[in-house]
C-alpha atoms as a PDB file:
ATOM      1  CA  MET A   1      20.877   3.519  -9.702  1.00  0.00           C
ATOM      2  CA  HIS A   2      19.116   6.712  -9.280  1.00  0.00           C
ATOM      3  CA  PHE A   3      18.627   8.213  -5.797  1.00  0.00           C
ATOM      4  CA  ARG A   4      14.876   8.116  -6.005  1.00  0.00           C
ATOM      5  CA  ASP A   5      15.081   4.377  -7.311  1.00  0.00           C
ATOM      6  CA  ARG A   6      16.967   3.639  -4.036  1.00  0.00           C
ATOM      7  CA  TYR A   7      14.665   4.848  -1.723  1.00  0.00           C
ATOM      8  CA  GLY A   8      11.404   3.711  -3.465  1.00  0.00           C
ATOM      9  CA  PRO A   9      10.894   0.673  -1.312  1.00  0.00           C
ATOM     10  CA  VAL A  10      11.471   2.784   1.841  1.00  0.00           C
ATOM     11  CA  ILE A  11       8.937   5.525   0.634  1.00  0.00           C
ATOM     12  CA  CYS A  12       6.207   2.788  -0.244  1.00  0.00           C
ATOM     13  CA  CYS A  13       6.990   0.997   3.108  1.00  0.00           C
ATOM     14  CA  VAL A  14       6.437   4.385   5.015  1.00  0.00           C
ATOM     15  CA  LEU A  15       3.337   5.204   3.251  1.00  0.00           C
ATOM     16  CA  PHE A  16       1.870   1.670   3.510  1.00  0.00           C
ATOM     17  CA  VAL A  17       2.383   1.833   7.392  1.00  0.00           C
ATOM     18  CA  VAL A  18       0.873   5.321   7.691  1.00  0.00           C
ATOM     19  CA  ILE A  19      -2.245   4.110   5.911  1.00  0.00           C
ATOM     20  CA  PHE A  20      -2.190   1.153   8.151  1.00  0.00           C
ATOM     21  CA  VAL A  21      -2.066   2.985  11.193  1.00  0.00           C
ATOM     22  CA  PHE A  22      -4.530   5.689  10.118  1.00  0.00           C
ATOM     23  CA  LEU A  23      -7.067   2.853   9.259  1.00  0.00           C
ATOM     24  CA  LYS A  24      -6.468   0.872  12.653  1.00  0.00           C
ATOM     25  CA  THR A  25      -6.548   3.870  14.931  1.00  0.00           C
ATOM     26  CA  GLY A  26      -9.875   5.023  13.347  1.00  0.00           C
ATOM     27  CA  LEU A  27      -8.196   8.444  11.961  1.00  0.00           C
ATOM     28  CA  ILE A  28      -9.795   7.438   8.704  1.00  0.00           C
ATOM     29  CA  VAL A  29     -13.197   5.649   9.133  1.00  0.00           C
ATOM     30  CA  VAL A  30     -14.326   3.981   5.766  1.00  0.00           C
ATOM     31  CA  SER A  31     -16.959   1.599   6.989  1.00  0.00           C
ATOM     32  CA  PRO A  32     -19.213   2.357   9.962  1.00  0.00           C
ATOM     33  CA  GLY A  33     -19.978  -1.149  10.793  1.00  0.00           C
ATOM     34  CA  SER A  34     -17.745  -3.838  11.777  1.00  0.00           C
ATOM     35  CA  HIS A  35     -19.166  -6.452   9.530  1.00  0.00           C
ATOM     36  CA  GLY A  36     -19.074  -6.152   5.860  1.00  0.00           C
ATOM     37  CA  PRO A  37     -16.530  -5.092   3.086  1.00  0.00           C
ATOM     38  CA  GLU A  38     -13.173  -3.545   3.888  1.00  0.00           C
ATOM     39  CA  TYR A  39     -13.406  -0.381   1.695  1.00  0.00           C
ATOM     40  CA  GLY A  40     -10.342   0.995   3.434  1.00  0.00           C
ATOM     41  CA  LEU A  41      -8.208  -1.398   1.641  1.00  0.00           C
ATOM     42  CA  LEU A  42      -8.656   0.766  -1.426  1.00  0.00           C
ATOM     43  CA  LEU A  43      -6.616   3.482   0.322  1.00  0.00           C
ATOM     44  CA  PHE A  44      -3.625   1.305  -0.104  1.00  0.00           C
ATOM     45  CA  ILE A  45      -3.825   2.205  -3.747  1.00  0.00           C
ATOM     46  CA  PHE A  46      -2.135   5.654  -2.825  1.00  0.00           C
ATOM     47  CA  PRO A  47       1.285   4.301  -1.884  1.00  0.00           C
ATOM     48  CA  GLY A  48       1.385   2.494  -5.075  1.00  0.00           C
ATOM     49  CA  ILE A  49       0.608   5.503  -7.155  1.00  0.00           C
ATOM     50  CA  ILE A  50       2.913   7.918  -5.140  1.00  0.00           C
ATOM     51  CA  THR A  51       5.717   5.429  -5.221  1.00  0.00           C
ATOM     52  CA  ALA A  52       5.287   4.573  -9.011  1.00  0.00           C
ATOM     53  CA  HIS A  53       5.335   8.325  -9.707  1.00  0.00           C
ATOM     54  CA  VAL A  54       8.441   9.076  -7.549  1.00  0.00           C
ATOM     55  CA  ILE A  55      10.866   6.485  -8.910  1.00  0.00           C
ATOM     56  CA  ARG A  56      11.907   5.941 -12.528  1.00  0.00           C
ATOM     57  CA  HIS A  57      12.633   2.308 -13.314  1.00  0.00           C
ATOM     58  CA  SER A  58      11.063  -0.998 -12.243  1.00  0.00           C
ATOM     59  CA  GLN A  59       8.122   0.701 -10.431  1.00  0.00           C
ATOM     60  CA  LEU A  60       6.169  -2.431  -9.967  1.00  0.00           C
ATOM     61  CA  PHE A  61       9.164  -4.281  -8.373  1.00  0.00           C
ATOM     62  CA  TYR A  62       9.913  -1.436  -6.074  1.00  0.00           C
ATOM     63  CA  VAL A  63       6.358  -1.134  -5.080  1.00  0.00           C
ATOM     64  CA  PHE A  64       5.904  -4.858  -4.260  1.00  0.00           C
ATOM     65  CA  PHE A  65       9.080  -4.994  -2.493  1.00  0.00           C
ATOM     66  CA  GLY A  66       8.225  -1.801  -0.446  1.00  0.00           C
ATOM     67  CA  ALA A  67       4.753  -3.349   0.491  1.00  0.00           C
ATOM     68  CA  ILE A  68       6.285  -6.732   1.443  1.00  0.00           C
ATOM     69  CA  LEU A  69       8.964  -4.752   3.585  1.00  0.00           C
ATOM     70  CA  ALA A  70       5.874  -3.060   5.284  1.00  0.00           C
ATOM     71  CA  ILE A  71       4.288  -6.479   6.377  1.00  0.00           C
ATOM     72  CA  PRO A  72       6.512  -7.136   9.302  1.00  0.00           C
ATOM     73  CA  VAL A  73       6.296  -3.344  10.657  1.00  0.00           C
ATOM     74  CA  CYS A  74       2.562  -3.546  10.355  1.00  0.00           C
ATOM     75  CA  TYR A  75       2.154  -6.797  12.122  1.00  0.00           C
ATOM     76  CA  THR A  76       4.422  -5.676  14.909  1.00  0.00           C
ATOM     77  CA  LEU A  77       2.551  -2.671  15.548  1.00  0.00           C
ATOM     78  CA  ARG A  78      -0.841  -4.634  15.417  1.00  0.00           C
ATOM     79  CA  ILE A  79       0.611  -6.955  18.239  1.00  0.00           C
ATOM     80  CA  LEU A  80       2.059  -4.063  20.222  1.00  0.00           C
ATOM     81  CA  TYR A  81      -0.610  -1.359  19.918  1.00  0.00           C
ATOM     82  CA  PHE A  82      -3.784  -2.495  18.685  1.00  0.00           C
ATOM     83  CA  VAL A  83      -6.493  -4.941  19.841  1.00  0.00           C
ATOM     84  CA  ARG A  84      -6.477  -8.336  18.152  1.00  0.00           C
ATOM     85  CA  VAL A  85      -9.605  -9.242  16.928  1.00  0.00           C
ATOM     86  CA  ARG A  86      -8.657 -11.631  13.910  1.00  0.00           C
ATOM     87  CA  THR A  87      -6.669 -14.661  13.717  1.00  0.00           C
ATOM     88  CA  LEU A  88      -3.175 -14.707  12.093  1.00  0.00           C
ATOM     89  CA  LEU A  89      -4.607 -16.123   9.047  1.00  0.00           C
ATOM     90  CA  GLN A  90      -7.283 -13.409   8.574  1.00  0.00           C
ATOM     91  CA  GLU A  91      -4.425 -10.810   9.392  1.00  0.00           C
ATOM     92  CA  MET A  92      -2.349 -12.419   6.519  1.00  0.00           C
ATOM     93  CA  ALA A  93      -5.259 -12.384   4.223  1.00  0.00           C
ATOM     94  CA  TYR A  94      -5.738  -8.471   5.136  1.00  0.00           C
ATOM     95  CA  VAL A  95      -2.119  -7.759   4.503  1.00  0.00           C
ATOM     96  CA  GLY A  96      -2.151  -9.735   1.281  1.00  0.00           C
ATOM     97  CA  SER A  97      -5.129  -7.650  -0.109  1.00  0.00           C
ATOM     98  CA  ALA A  98      -3.377  -4.574   1.100  1.00  0.00           C
ATOM     99  CA  VAL A  99      -0.311  -5.359  -0.907  1.00  0.00           C
ATOM    100  CA  PHE A 100      -2.564  -6.307  -3.998  1.00  0.00           C
ATOM    101  CA  TRP A 101      -4.126  -3.099  -4.035  1.00  0.00           C
ATOM    102  CA  CYS A 102      -0.834  -1.250  -3.572  1.00  0.00           C
ATOM    103  CA  VAL A 103       0.521  -2.940  -6.668  1.00  0.00           C
ATOM    104  CA  MET A 104      -2.542  -2.134  -8.472  1.00  0.00           C
ATOM    105  CA  GLY A 105      -2.127   1.512  -7.545  1.00  0.00           C
ATOM    106  CA  ALA A 106       1.286   1.320  -9.176  1.00  0.00           C
ATOM    107  CA  MET A 107      -0.170  -0.447 -12.374  1.00  0.00           C
ATOM    108  CA  LEU A 108      -3.107   2.277 -12.625  1.00  0.00           C
ATOM    109  CA  TYR A 109      -0.547   5.040 -12.487  1.00  0.00           C
ATOM    110  CA  LEU A 110       1.623   3.256 -15.289  1.00  0.00           C
ATOM    111  CA  LEU A 111      -1.543   2.497 -17.314  1.00  0.00           C
ATOM    112  CA  ILE A 112      -2.636   6.315 -17.100  1.00  0.00           C
ATOM    113  CA  ARG A 113       0.881   7.473 -17.812  1.00  0.00           C
ATOM    114  CA  ALA A 114       1.132   5.145 -21.006  1.00  0.00           C
ATOM    115  CA  MET A 115      -2.136   6.463 -22.219  1.00  0.00           C
ATOM    116  CA  VAL A 116      -1.092  10.136 -21.820  1.00  0.00           C
ATOM    117  CA  GLN A 117       2.228   9.441 -23.613  1.00  0.00           C
ATOM    118  CA  GLN A 118       0.239   7.672 -26.303  1.00  0.00           C
ATOM    119  CA  ILE A 119      -2.121  10.494 -26.759  1.00  0.00           C
ATOM    120  CA  ASN A 120       0.735  13.220 -26.795  1.00  0.00           C
ATOM    121  CA  ARG A 121       2.400  11.318 -29.684  1.00  0.00           C
END
């Protein structure tokens, strides 16, 4: 196992938690209103893209595993430091959507990389 592959889930987990904290503290404001779509979830594409770029093998697995590792950390931070305005079920739906977008970011990176390799042949 390569060094970068070994720390792939940790990289994804850290980036996932950083974006979660940025969104919850208001450092990144995506939607001005409290109601409506959560466009901030699209920012979770970036941990997937970055992690898929850094590691060499099994990118989707490591991105998914790193995002799953980040769930307890994010939920603990949410309980300790942030105001709770949602129920547990709503929080799990939010985190599930964030994991989805994280894996979609890795898939987008792999698609673009495959297209570039195909064009270069």
